[in-house]
Amino acid sequence: MEREEIKKIIYDLVEKSVGKKKLKQGDILKKVAADHGVEKDEVKAALRELVDAGTLIFTYFGGSYIEIPPKEAV
């Protein structure tokens, strides 16, 4: 599976969980790897690219979570 496809799957997963459940990195790794038959290392690399690009961010609230960054109010 291409890295861009994995990144889209990860982003969609995080987007669907907004307002319902905060996802930890491990949750994302397990879910994407199990559902799509991708190695966890590939998922982790794609997740790292999303975070480095600012598409997703790590937040801390009693634990580290992956979230979509808040929209800037203009």
C-alpha atoms as a PDB file:
ATOM      1  CA  MET A   1       0.000   0.000   0.000  1.00  0.00           C
ATOM      2  CA  GLU A   2       1.301   3.457  -0.879  1.00  0.00           C
ATOM      3  CA  ARG A   3       2.312   5.828   1.910  1.00  0.00           C
ATOM      4  CA  GLU A   4      -0.197   8.463   0.708  1.00  0.00           C
ATOM      5  CA  GLU A   5      -3.034   5.923   1.023  1.00  0.00           C
ATOM      6  CA  ILE A   6      -1.949   5.083   4.567  1.00  0.00           C
ATOM      7  CA  LYS A   7      -1.811   8.786   5.457  1.00  0.00           C
ATOM      8  CA  LYS A   8      -5.359   9.279   4.130  1.00  0.00           C
ATOM      9  CA  ILE A   9      -6.617   6.283   6.147  1.00  0.00           C
ATOM     10  CA  ILE A  10      -4.983   7.659   9.315  1.00  0.00           C
ATOM     11  CA  TYR A  11      -6.378  11.161   8.764  1.00  0.00           C
ATOM     12  CA  ASP A  12      -9.882   9.819   8.091  1.00  0.00           C
ATOM     13  CA  LEU A  13      -9.710   7.694  11.248  1.00  0.00           C
ATOM     14  CA  VAL A  14      -8.706  10.683  13.391  1.00  0.00           C
ATOM     15  CA  GLU A  15     -11.300  12.907  11.705  1.00  0.00           C
ATOM     16  CA  LYS A  16     -14.106  10.419  12.427  1.00  0.00           C
ATOM     17  CA  SER A  17     -13.128  10.244  16.105  1.00  0.00           C
ATOM     18  CA  VAL A  18     -13.271  14.022  16.672  1.00  0.00           C
ATOM     19  CA  GLY A  19     -15.695  14.778  19.486  1.00  0.00           C
ATOM     20  CA  LYS A  20     -16.158  11.076  20.279  1.00  0.00           C
ATOM     21  CA  LYS A  21     -12.879   9.595  21.427  1.00  0.00           C
ATOM     22  CA  LYS A  22      -9.309  10.793  21.630  1.00  0.00           C
ATOM     23  CA  LEU A  23      -6.985   8.366  19.863  1.00  0.00           C
ATOM     24  CA  LYS A  24      -3.550   7.447  21.123  1.00  0.00           C
ATOM     25  CA  GLN A  25      -0.729   6.610  18.734  1.00  0.00           C
ATOM     26  CA  GLY A  26      -0.962   2.928  19.686  1.00  0.00           C
ATOM     27  CA  ASP A  27      -4.697   2.870  18.918  1.00  0.00           C
ATOM     28  CA  ILE A  28      -4.043   4.209  15.433  1.00  0.00           C
ATOM     29  CA  LEU A  29      -1.153   1.806  14.780  1.00  0.00           C
ATOM     30  CA  LYS A  30      -3.175  -1.242  15.828  1.00  0.00           C
ATOM     31  CA  LYS A  31      -6.383  -0.280  14.007  1.00  0.00           C
ATOM     32  CA  VAL A  32      -4.800   0.633  10.669  1.00  0.00           C
ATOM     33  CA  ALA A  33      -2.406  -2.336  10.726  1.00  0.00           C
ATOM     34  CA  ALA A  34      -5.186  -4.810  11.558  1.00  0.00           C
ATOM     35  CA  ASP A  35      -7.858  -3.408   9.233  1.00  0.00           C
ATOM     36  CA  HIS A  36      -5.665  -2.812   6.194  1.00  0.00           C
ATOM     37  CA  GLY A  37      -2.913  -5.435   6.528  1.00  0.00           C
ATOM     38  CA  VAL A  38      -0.124  -2.874   6.731  1.00  0.00           C
ATOM     39  CA  GLU A  39       3.019  -3.217   8.862  1.00  0.00           C
ATOM     40  CA  LYS A  40       2.966  -1.076  12.018  1.00  0.00           C
ATOM     41  CA  ASP A  41       6.307   0.461  10.995  1.00  0.00           C
ATOM     42  CA  GLU A  42       4.723   1.742   7.773  1.00  0.00           C
ATOM     43  CA  VAL A  43       1.774   3.192   9.700  1.00  0.00           C
ATOM     44  CA  LYS A  44       4.142   4.821  12.189  1.00  0.00           C
ATOM     45  CA  ALA A  45       6.211   6.394   9.396  1.00  0.00           C
ATOM     46  CA  ALA A  46       3.075   7.752   7.693  1.00  0.00           C
ATOM     47  CA  LEU A  47       1.797   9.115  11.018  1.00  0.00           C
ATOM     48  CA  ARG A  48       5.154  10.807  11.626  1.00  0.00           C
ATOM     49  CA  GLU A  49       4.919  12.497   8.207  1.00  0.00           C
ATOM     50  CA  LEU A  50       1.425  13.798   9.040  1.00  0.00           C
ATOM     51  CA  VAL A  51       2.638  15.200  12.374  1.00  0.00           C
ATOM     52  CA  ASP A  52       5.790  16.715  10.837  1.00  0.00           C
ATOM     53  CA  ALA A  53       3.666  18.427   8.165  1.00  0.00           C
ATOM     54  CA  GLY A  54       1.314  19.845  10.831  1.00  0.00           C
ATOM     55  CA  THR A  55      -1.677  17.954   9.417  1.00  0.00           C
ATOM     56  CA  LEU A  56      -2.077  16.173  12.765  1.00  0.00           C
ATOM     57  CA  ILE A  57      -0.729  17.140  16.178  1.00  0.00           C
ATOM     58  CA  PHE A  58       0.121  15.453  19.453  1.00  0.00           C
ATOM     59  CA  THR A  59      -1.853  16.795  22.410  1.00  0.00           C
ATOM     60  CA  TYR A  60      -1.406  15.961  26.060  1.00  0.00           C
ATOM     61  CA  PHE A  61      -4.300  15.602  28.465  1.00  0.00           C
ATOM     62  CA  GLY A  62      -3.316  12.965  31.023  1.00  0.00           C
ATOM     63  CA  GLY A  63      -1.795  11.046  28.102  1.00  0.00           C
ATOM     64  CA  SER A  64      -0.575  11.722  24.568  1.00  0.00           C
ATOM     65  CA  TYR A  65      -3.216  11.825  21.866  1.00  0.00           C
ATOM     66  CA  ILE A  66      -3.249  12.434  18.117  1.00  0.00           C
ATOM     67  CA  GLU A  67      -5.686  15.125  16.962  1.00  0.00           C
ATOM     68  CA  ILE A  68      -6.449  17.452  14.088  1.00  0.00           C
ATOM     69  CA  PRO A  69      -5.097  20.915  14.921  1.00  0.00           C
ATOM     70  CA  PRO A  70      -7.728  23.516  15.801  1.00  0.00           C
ATOM     71  CA  LYS A  71      -8.703  25.973  13.077  1.00  0.00           C
ATOM     72  CA  GLU A  72      -7.290  29.462  13.555  1.00  0.00           C
ATOM     73  CA  ALA A  73      -9.957  32.088  14.235  1.00  0.00           C
ATOM     74  CA  VAL A  74      -9.547  35.002  11.858  1.00  0.00           C
END
